[in-house]
Amino acid sequence: MTQTKRRGRMPAVSDADIRRVARSLLVEQGLDAITLRAIARELGITAPALYRYYESREALVAAVRSDVCLDLARDMAAALDGVPDDAGVRFFAICRGFREWALTHGREFTLVFASPASAGIDSAMRQFGEPVGRLFLEAAGRLLNEYEIVTPPTELIPAELRDDLVRFQTDLLRVLADSGQKFPAEKLDLGVSYVMIQFWARLYGHVTLEVFGNYPIHVSHPDVLFDATLADIGRSIGLTGGNTQV
């Protein structure tokens, strides 16, 4: 009887409550702060009660990660409000939206994009079928459709990378077929795949250095450096500052 009464007094919680508290712990203290015990304490329940919703901490972290990705995709899409309907302009606006989100959501950025692979958390950019990946792919597809993108000849792509790039092409084409994305699959050759990987490495590298304050020198105007990086990337694929407003 005592046990029954105790359960009857236990506060009613929902999946949304659990994820809200977990997200709050992430933002305020970092990934390590997300524990079932800490969440239960915040909600006034016992830790075992959380197993009705999540079989493990890892499952809960995965759910929080999904919530973060959805919010990031919404913020990146909002960065397109009022932007001219031009593929180049919109593509670079999405890149700026990604940077702005990362700078204001450092710990969430760490969870989604900077967690070590050994932690079992995939980077959002490896999940092409997820909201963030789809947004980038849609923008890249428009860019390929509306501009003549300059890519290196196949013979200039290091032979050691070609198998990886072919696997990347295969994964992308599968996601595109499943999602109905309007991406010009016939243009997704080895050169385009190579350029996409290099572009992401430069964009992600710049944002990561800025988020973690790891520039090798003091940079007084990181926004100017970021815009210069985008402009340089644009020129490398045949886009000019004039026709893309980089």
C-alpha atoms as a PDB file:
ATOM      1  CA  MET A   1       0.000   0.000   0.000  1.00  0.00           C
ATOM      2  CA  THR A   2       2.794   2.411   0.836  1.00  0.00           C
ATOM      3  CA  GLN A   3       4.425   1.793  -2.563  1.00  0.00           C
ATOM      4  CA  THR A   4       1.103   2.360  -4.343  1.00  0.00           C
ATOM      5  CA  LYS A   5       0.557   5.669  -2.608  1.00  0.00           C
ATOM      6  CA  ARG A   6       4.085   6.809  -3.410  1.00  0.00           C
ATOM      7  CA  ARG A   7       3.504   6.118  -7.085  1.00  0.00           C
ATOM      8  CA  GLY A   8       0.196   7.915  -6.929  1.00  0.00           C
ATOM      9  CA  ARG A   9       1.913  11.057  -5.664  1.00  0.00           C
ATOM     10  CA  MET A  10       4.602  10.941  -8.356  1.00  0.00           C
ATOM     11  CA  PRO A  11       4.310  13.979 -10.663  1.00  0.00           C
ATOM     12  CA  ALA A  12       2.927  13.287 -14.116  1.00  0.00           C
ATOM     13  CA  VAL A  13       5.622  13.773 -16.724  1.00  0.00           C
ATOM     14  CA  SER A  14       5.658  13.482 -20.487  1.00  0.00           C
ATOM     15  CA  ASP A  15       8.237  12.713 -23.130  1.00  0.00           C
ATOM     16  CA  ALA A  16       8.278  16.443 -23.945  1.00  0.00           C
ATOM     17  CA  ASP A  17       9.106  17.243 -20.294  1.00  0.00           C
ATOM     18  CA  ILE A  18      12.020  14.817 -20.308  1.00  0.00           C
ATOM     19  CA  ARG A  19      13.458  16.164 -23.543  1.00  0.00           C
ATOM     20  CA  ARG A  20      12.982  19.756 -22.382  1.00  0.00           C
ATOM     21  CA  VAL A  21      14.951  19.129 -19.189  1.00  0.00           C
ATOM     22  CA  ALA A  22      17.627  17.165 -21.036  1.00  0.00           C
ATOM     23  CA  ARG A  23      18.021  19.996 -23.548  1.00  0.00           C
ATOM     24  CA  SER A  24      18.260  22.523 -20.719  1.00  0.00           C
ATOM     25  CA  LEU A  25      20.999  20.500 -19.025  1.00  0.00           C
ATOM     26  CA  LEU A  26      22.874  20.298 -22.328  1.00  0.00           C
ATOM     27  CA  VAL A  27      22.712  24.049 -22.913  1.00  0.00           C
ATOM     28  CA  GLU A  28      23.593  25.016 -19.343  1.00  0.00           C
ATOM     29  CA  GLN A  29      26.210  22.403 -18.468  1.00  0.00           C
ATOM     30  CA  GLY A  30      27.149  20.355 -21.524  1.00  0.00           C
ATOM     31  CA  LEU A  31      26.568  16.837 -22.816  1.00  0.00           C
ATOM     32  CA  ASP A  32      27.949  15.065 -19.738  1.00  0.00           C
ATOM     33  CA  ALA A  33      25.232  16.696 -17.623  1.00  0.00           C
ATOM     34  CA  ILE A  34      22.523  14.717 -19.408  1.00  0.00           C
ATOM     35  CA  THR A  35      21.993  11.798 -17.065  1.00  0.00           C
ATOM     36  CA  LEU A  36      18.797   9.983 -16.176  1.00  0.00           C
ATOM     37  CA  ARG A  37      19.441  10.696 -12.501  1.00  0.00           C
ATOM     38  CA  ALA A  38      19.785  14.467 -13.082  1.00  0.00           C
ATOM     39  CA  ILE A  39      16.653  14.592 -15.228  1.00  0.00           C
ATOM     40  CA  ALA A  40      14.660  12.603 -12.698  1.00  0.00           C
ATOM     41  CA  ARG A  41      15.786  14.963  -9.938  1.00  0.00           C
ATOM     42  CA  GLU A  42      14.653  17.999 -11.951  1.00  0.00           C
ATOM     43  CA  LEU A  43      11.274  16.419 -12.644  1.00  0.00           C
ATOM     44  CA  GLY A  44      10.742  15.120  -9.118  1.00  0.00           C
ATOM     45  CA  ILE A  45      10.507  11.469 -10.142  1.00  0.00           C
ATOM     46  CA  THR A  46      12.679   8.387  -9.768  1.00  0.00           C
ATOM     47  CA  ALA A  47      15.293   7.573 -12.396  1.00  0.00           C
ATOM     48  CA  PRO A  48      13.791   4.121 -13.150  1.00  0.00           C
ATOM     49  CA  ALA A  49      10.546   5.851 -14.154  1.00  0.00           C
ATOM     50  CA  LEU A  50      12.361   7.335 -17.142  1.00  0.00           C
ATOM     51  CA  TYR A  51      12.912   3.876 -18.579  1.00  0.00           C
ATOM     52  CA  ARG A  52       9.246   3.846 -19.560  1.00  0.00           C
ATOM     53  CA  TYR A  53      10.230   6.448 -22.158  1.00  0.00           C
ATOM     54  CA  TYR A  54      13.875   5.699 -22.977  1.00  0.00           C
ATOM     55  CA  GLU A  55      15.725   2.422 -22.692  1.00  0.00           C
ATOM     56  CA  SER A  56      19.049   4.180 -22.132  1.00  0.00           C
ATOM     57  CA  ARG A  57      20.800   7.511 -21.804  1.00  0.00           C
ATOM     58  CA  GLU A  58      22.041   7.048 -25.373  1.00  0.00           C
ATOM     59  CA  ALA A  59      18.469   6.811 -26.657  1.00  0.00           C
ATOM     60  CA  LEU A  60      17.561  10.022 -24.842  1.00  0.00           C
ATOM     61  CA  VAL A  61      20.611  11.855 -26.192  1.00  0.00           C
ATOM     62  CA  ALA A  62      19.638  10.713 -29.697  1.00  0.00           C
ATOM     63  CA  ALA A  63      16.158  12.184 -29.185  1.00  0.00           C
ATOM     64  CA  VAL A  64      17.626  15.496 -27.985  1.00  0.00           C
ATOM     65  CA  ARG A  65      19.938  15.505 -30.990  1.00  0.00           C
ATOM     66  CA  SER A  66      16.920  15.108 -33.294  1.00  0.00           C
ATOM     67  CA  ASP A  67      15.197  18.052 -31.602  1.00  0.00           C
ATOM     68  CA  VAL A  68      18.302  20.197 -32.054  1.00  0.00           C
ATOM     69  CA  CYS A  69      18.508  19.279 -35.748  1.00  0.00           C
ATOM     70  CA  LEU A  70      14.884  20.265 -36.298  1.00  0.00           C
ATOM     71  CA  ASP A  71      15.435  23.621 -34.617  1.00  0.00           C
ATOM     72  CA  LEU A  72      18.619  24.232 -36.614  1.00  0.00           C
ATOM     73  CA  ALA A  73      16.849  23.465 -39.888  1.00  0.00           C
ATOM     74  CA  ARG A  74      14.093  25.929 -38.977  1.00  0.00           C
ATOM     75  CA  ASP A  75      16.642  28.627 -38.128  1.00  0.00           C
ATOM     76  CA  MET A  76      18.553  28.029 -41.350  1.00  0.00           C
ATOM     77  CA  ALA A  77      15.341  28.165 -43.361  1.00  0.00           C
ATOM     78  CA  ALA A  78      14.436  31.420 -41.589  1.00  0.00           C
ATOM     79  CA  ALA A  79      17.754  32.860 -42.787  1.00  0.00           C
ATOM     80  CA  LEU A  80      16.224  32.793 -46.276  1.00  0.00           C
ATOM     81  CA  ASP A  81      13.415  35.198 -45.367  1.00  0.00           C
ATOM     82  CA  GLY A  82      13.623  38.208 -47.651  1.00  0.00           C
ATOM     83  CA  VAL A  83      16.554  36.756 -49.608  1.00  0.00           C
ATOM     84  CA  PRO A  84      16.345  37.155 -53.417  1.00  0.00           C
ATOM     85  CA  ASP A  85      15.197  34.060 -55.267  1.00  0.00           C
ATOM     86  CA  ASP A  86      18.637  33.279 -56.660  1.00  0.00           C
ATOM     87  CA  ALA A  87      20.321  29.926 -56.119  1.00  0.00           C
ATOM     88  CA  GLY A  88      23.743  31.380 -55.323  1.00  0.00           C
ATOM     89  CA  VAL A  89      22.461  34.047 -52.969  1.00  0.00           C
ATOM     90  CA  ARG A  90      20.261  31.576 -51.109  1.00  0.00           C
ATOM     91  CA  PHE A  91      22.982  28.956 -50.843  1.00  0.00           C
ATOM     92  CA  PHE A  92      25.376  31.353 -49.168  1.00  0.00           C
ATOM     93  CA  ALA A  93      22.567  32.726 -46.972  1.00  0.00           C
ATOM     94  CA  ILE A  94      22.061  29.201 -45.641  1.00  0.00           C
ATOM     95  CA  CYS A  95      25.779  28.986 -44.889  1.00  0.00           C
ATOM     96  CA  ARG A  96      25.577  32.247 -42.939  1.00  0.00           C
ATOM     97  CA  GLY A  97      22.521  30.975 -41.098  1.00  0.00           C
ATOM     98  CA  PHE A  98      24.446  27.860 -40.095  1.00  0.00           C
ATOM     99  CA  ARG A  99      27.311  29.953 -38.722  1.00  0.00           C
ATOM    100  CA  GLU A 100      24.999  32.276 -36.785  1.00  0.00           C
ATOM    101  CA  TRP A 101      23.178  29.348 -35.215  1.00  0.00           C
ATOM    102  CA  ALA A 102      26.443  27.655 -34.244  1.00  0.00           C
ATOM    103  CA  LEU A 103      27.764  30.800 -32.567  1.00  0.00           C
ATOM    104  CA  THR A 104      24.649  31.170 -30.420  1.00  0.00           C
ATOM    105  CA  HIS A 105      24.181  27.438 -29.688  1.00  0.00           C
ATOM    106  CA  GLY A 106      27.705  26.294 -28.874  1.00  0.00           C
ATOM    107  CA  ARG A 107      26.846  23.232 -26.795  1.00  0.00           C
ATOM    108  CA  GLU A 108      24.113  22.116 -29.154  1.00  0.00           C
ATOM    109  CA  PHE A 109      26.557  22.542 -32.039  1.00  0.00           C
ATOM    110  CA  THR A 110      29.012  20.356 -30.134  1.00  0.00           C
ATOM    111  CA  LEU A 111      26.417  17.611 -29.689  1.00  0.00           C
ATOM    112  CA  VAL A 112      25.274  17.564 -33.308  1.00  0.00           C
ATOM    113  CA  PHE A 113      28.479  18.361 -35.186  1.00  0.00           C
ATOM    114  CA  ALA A 114      31.500  18.016 -32.929  1.00  0.00           C
ATOM    115  CA  SER A 115      30.966  14.917 -30.807  1.00  0.00           C
ATOM    116  CA  PRO A 116      33.656  12.269 -31.345  1.00  0.00           C
ATOM    117  CA  ALA A 117      32.572   9.328 -33.470  1.00  0.00           C
ATOM    118  CA  SER A 118      33.468   7.039 -30.576  1.00  0.00           C
ATOM    119  CA  ALA A 119      30.566   8.551 -28.634  1.00  0.00           C
ATOM    120  CA  GLY A 120      28.139   6.954 -31.094  1.00  0.00           C
ATOM    121  CA  ILE A 121      26.697  10.293 -32.225  1.00  0.00           C
ATOM    122  CA  ASP A 122      26.736  10.849 -35.977  1.00  0.00           C
ATOM    123  CA  SER A 123      27.364  14.323 -37.327  1.00  0.00           C
ATOM    124  CA  ALA A 124      24.190  15.789 -38.825  1.00  0.00           C
ATOM    125  CA  MET A 125      25.990  16.271 -42.117  1.00  0.00           C
ATOM    126  CA  ARG A 126      26.455  12.506 -42.423  1.00  0.00           C
ATOM    127  CA  GLN A 127      22.688  12.136 -42.224  1.00  0.00           C
ATOM    128  CA  PHE A 128      21.678  13.447 -45.616  1.00  0.00           C
ATOM    129  CA  GLY A 129      18.066  12.430 -45.118  1.00  0.00           C
ATOM    130  CA  GLU A 130      17.674  14.555 -41.991  1.00  0.00           C
ATOM    131  CA  PRO A 131      16.377  18.159 -42.012  1.00  0.00           C
ATOM    132  CA  VAL A 132      19.788  19.883 -42.039  1.00  0.00           C
ATOM    133  CA  GLY A 133      21.199  17.621 -44.732  1.00  0.00           C
ATOM    134  CA  ARG A 134      18.064  18.006 -46.859  1.00  0.00           C
ATOM    135  CA  LEU A 135      18.250  21.780 -46.616  1.00  0.00           C
ATOM    136  CA  PHE A 136      21.853  21.848 -47.804  1.00  0.00           C
ATOM    137  CA  LEU A 137      21.104  19.356 -50.574  1.00  0.00           C
ATOM    138  CA  GLU A 138      18.136  21.344 -51.827  1.00  0.00           C
ATOM    139  CA  ALA A 139      20.234  24.514 -51.949  1.00  0.00           C
ATOM    140  CA  ALA A 140      23.115  22.678 -53.642  1.00  0.00           C
ATOM    141  CA  GLY A 141      20.717  21.190 -56.173  1.00  0.00           C
ATOM    142  CA  ARG A 142      19.414  24.588 -57.159  1.00  0.00           C
ATOM    143  CA  LEU A 143      22.961  25.855 -57.465  1.00  0.00           C
ATOM    144  CA  LEU A 144      23.836  23.030 -59.853  1.00  0.00           C
ATOM    145  CA  ASN A 145      20.690  23.650 -61.871  1.00  0.00           C
ATOM    146  CA  GLU A 146      21.053  27.406 -62.221  1.00  0.00           C
ATOM    147  CA  TYR A 147      24.830  27.851 -62.469  1.00  0.00           C
ATOM    148  CA  GLU A 148      27.632  26.240 -64.390  1.00  0.00           C
ATOM    149  CA  ILE A 149      29.728  24.999 -61.508  1.00  0.00           C
ATOM    150  CA  VAL A 150      33.430  24.558 -62.188  1.00  0.00           C
ATOM    151  CA  THR A 151      34.741  21.203 -61.003  1.00  0.00           C
ATOM    152  CA  PRO A 152      38.173  19.605 -61.404  1.00  0.00           C
ATOM    153  CA  PRO A 153      38.716  17.049 -64.184  1.00  0.00           C
ATOM    154  CA  THR A 154      38.528  13.485 -62.935  1.00  0.00           C
ATOM    155  CA  GLU A 155      42.221  12.927 -63.569  1.00  0.00           C
ATOM    156  CA  LEU A 156      43.075  15.678 -61.068  1.00  0.00           C
ATOM    157  CA  ILE A 157      41.115  14.039 -58.259  1.00  0.00           C
ATOM    158  CA  PRO A 158      43.490  11.909 -56.152  1.00  0.00           C
ATOM    159  CA  ALA A 159      42.958   8.266 -57.046  1.00  0.00           C
ATOM    160  CA  GLU A 160      43.046   7.303 -53.360  1.00  0.00           C
ATOM    161  CA  LEU A 161      39.866   9.335 -52.761  1.00  0.00           C
ATOM    162  CA  ARG A 162      37.763   8.035 -55.614  1.00  0.00           C
ATOM    163  CA  ASP A 163      36.287   4.985 -53.886  1.00  0.00           C
ATOM    164  CA  ASP A 164      35.156   7.176 -50.976  1.00  0.00           C
ATOM    165  CA  LEU A 165      33.652   9.705 -53.375  1.00  0.00           C
ATOM    166  CA  VAL A 166      31.795   6.985 -55.268  1.00  0.00           C
ATOM    167  CA  ARG A 167      30.312   5.735 -51.973  1.00  0.00           C
ATOM    168  CA  PHE A 168      29.343   9.329 -51.173  1.00  0.00           C
ATOM    169  CA  GLN A 169      27.613   9.612 -54.566  1.00  0.00           C
ATOM    170  CA  THR A 170      25.756   6.358 -53.972  1.00  0.00           C
ATOM    171  CA  ASP A 171      24.541   7.454 -50.537  1.00  0.00           C
ATOM    172  CA  LEU A 172      23.407  10.813 -51.864  1.00  0.00           C
ATOM    173  CA  LEU A 173      21.541   9.320 -54.804  1.00  0.00           C
ATOM    174  CA  ARG A 174      19.750   6.887 -52.500  1.00  0.00           C
ATOM    175  CA  VAL A 175      18.640   9.689 -50.183  1.00  0.00           C
ATOM    176  CA  LEU A 176      17.564  11.829 -53.115  1.00  0.00           C
ATOM    177  CA  ALA A 177      15.496   8.989 -54.562  1.00  0.00           C
ATOM    178  CA  ASP A 178      13.830   8.352 -51.195  1.00  0.00           C
ATOM    179  CA  SER A 179      13.138  11.996 -50.393  1.00  0.00           C
ATOM    180  CA  GLY A 180      12.010  13.303 -53.770  1.00  0.00           C
ATOM    181  CA  GLN A 181      14.577  16.101 -53.641  1.00  0.00           C
ATOM    182  CA  LYS A 182      14.820  18.086 -56.856  1.00  0.00           C
ATOM    183  CA  PHE A 183      18.536  17.499 -57.170  1.00  0.00           C
ATOM    184  CA  PRO A 184      19.996  17.033 -60.683  1.00  0.00           C
ATOM    185  CA  ALA A 185      21.319  13.514 -60.120  1.00  0.00           C
ATOM    186  CA  GLU A 186      22.765  13.412 -63.625  1.00  0.00           C
ATOM    187  CA  LYS A 187      25.142  16.213 -62.618  1.00  0.00           C
ATOM    188  CA  LEU A 188      26.388  14.422 -59.527  1.00  0.00           C
ATOM    189  CA  ASP A 189      29.655  13.278 -61.023  1.00  0.00           C
ATOM    190  CA  LEU A 190      32.935  12.657 -59.253  1.00  0.00           C
ATOM    191  CA  GLY A 191      34.028  16.288 -59.642  1.00  0.00           C
ATOM    192  CA  VAL A 192      30.851  17.601 -58.011  1.00  0.00           C
ATOM    193  CA  SER A 193      31.208  15.121 -55.143  1.00  0.00           C
ATOM    194  CA  TYR A 194      34.813  16.217 -54.642  1.00  0.00           C
ATOM    195  CA  VAL A 195      33.844  19.892 -54.587  1.00  0.00           C
ATOM    196  CA  MET A 196      30.985  19.236 -52.140  1.00  0.00           C
ATOM    197  CA  ILE A 197      33.289  17.479 -49.681  1.00  0.00           C
ATOM    198  CA  GLN A 198      35.899  20.214 -49.910  1.00  0.00           C
ATOM    199  CA  PHE A 199      33.277  22.911 -49.486  1.00  0.00           C
ATOM    200  CA  TRP A 200      31.864  21.288 -46.356  1.00  0.00           C
ATOM    201  CA  ALA A 201      35.357  20.815 -44.897  1.00  0.00           C
ATOM    202  CA  ARG A 202      36.091  24.531 -45.309  1.00  0.00           C
ATOM    203  CA  LEU A 203      32.706  25.719 -44.046  1.00  0.00           C
ATOM    204  CA  TYR A 204      32.675  23.364 -41.071  1.00  0.00           C
ATOM    205  CA  GLY A 205      36.324  24.013 -40.270  1.00  0.00           C
ATOM    206  CA  HIS A 206      35.845  27.772 -40.203  1.00  0.00           C
ATOM    207  CA  VAL A 207      32.704  27.598 -38.053  1.00  0.00           C
ATOM    208  CA  THR A 208      34.284  25.107 -35.641  1.00  0.00           C
ATOM    209  CA  LEU A 209      37.380  27.263 -35.171  1.00  0.00           C
ATOM    210  CA  GLU A 210      35.171  30.245 -34.443  1.00  0.00           C
ATOM    211  CA  VAL A 211      32.769  28.458 -32.086  1.00  0.00           C
ATOM    212  CA  PHE A 212      35.620  27.052 -29.976  1.00  0.00           C
ATOM    213  CA  GLY A 213      37.825  30.144 -30.217  1.00  0.00           C
ATOM    214  CA  ASN A 214      40.636  28.220 -31.863  1.00  0.00           C
ATOM    215  CA  TYR A 215      41.801  30.611 -34.557  1.00  0.00           C
ATOM    216  CA  PRO A 216      45.603  30.495 -34.763  1.00  0.00           C
ATOM    217  CA  ILE A 217      45.644  34.302 -34.508  1.00  0.00           C
ATOM    218  CA  HIS A 218      43.406  36.905 -32.922  1.00  0.00           C
ATOM    219  CA  VAL A 219      40.691  37.800 -35.445  1.00  0.00           C
ATOM    220  CA  SER A 220      39.015  41.135 -34.725  1.00  0.00           C
ATOM    221  CA  HIS A 221      36.341  40.712 -37.401  1.00  0.00           C
ATOM    222  CA  PRO A 222      35.525  37.014 -37.807  1.00  0.00           C
ATOM    223  CA  ASP A 223      32.407  37.854 -39.818  1.00  0.00           C
ATOM    224  CA  VAL A 224      34.606  39.517 -42.446  1.00  0.00           C
ATOM    225  CA  LEU A 225      36.886  36.477 -42.526  1.00  0.00           C
ATOM    226  CA  PHE A 226      33.872  34.191 -42.908  1.00  0.00           C
ATOM    227  CA  ASP A 227      32.456  36.233 -45.797  1.00  0.00           C
ATOM    228  CA  ALA A 228      35.892  36.266 -47.440  1.00  0.00           C
ATOM    229  CA  THR A 229      36.014  32.483 -47.104  1.00  0.00           C
ATOM    230  CA  LEU A 230      32.608  32.126 -48.754  1.00  0.00           C
ATOM    231  CA  ALA A 231      33.672  34.466 -51.557  1.00  0.00           C
ATOM    232  CA  ASP A 232      36.821  32.435 -52.104  1.00  0.00           C
ATOM    233  CA  ILE A 233      34.822  29.215 -52.211  1.00  0.00           C
ATOM    234  CA  GLY A 234      32.434  30.816 -54.685  1.00  0.00           C
ATOM    235  CA  ARG A 235      35.246  31.876 -56.977  1.00  0.00           C
ATOM    236  CA  SER A 236      36.796  28.410 -56.818  1.00  0.00           C
ATOM    237  CA  ILE A 237      33.639  26.900 -58.344  1.00  0.00           C
ATOM    238  CA  GLY A 238      33.102  29.653 -60.879  1.00  0.00           C
ATOM    239  CA  LEU A 239      30.795  31.966 -58.958  1.00  0.00           C
ATOM    240  CA  THR A 240      31.661  35.629 -58.632  1.00  0.00           C
ATOM    241  CA  GLY A 241      30.809  38.002 -55.824  1.00  0.00           C
ATOM    242  CA  GLY A 242      28.712  40.014 -58.221  1.00  0.00           C
ATOM    243  CA  ASN A 243      26.310  37.312 -59.269  1.00  0.00           C
ATOM    244  CA  THR A 244      25.921  35.611 -55.927  1.00  0.00           C
ATOM    245  CA  GLN A 245      26.173  38.557 -53.527  1.00  0.00           C
ATOM    246  CA  VAL A 246      28.696  36.615 -51.486  1.00  0.00           C
END
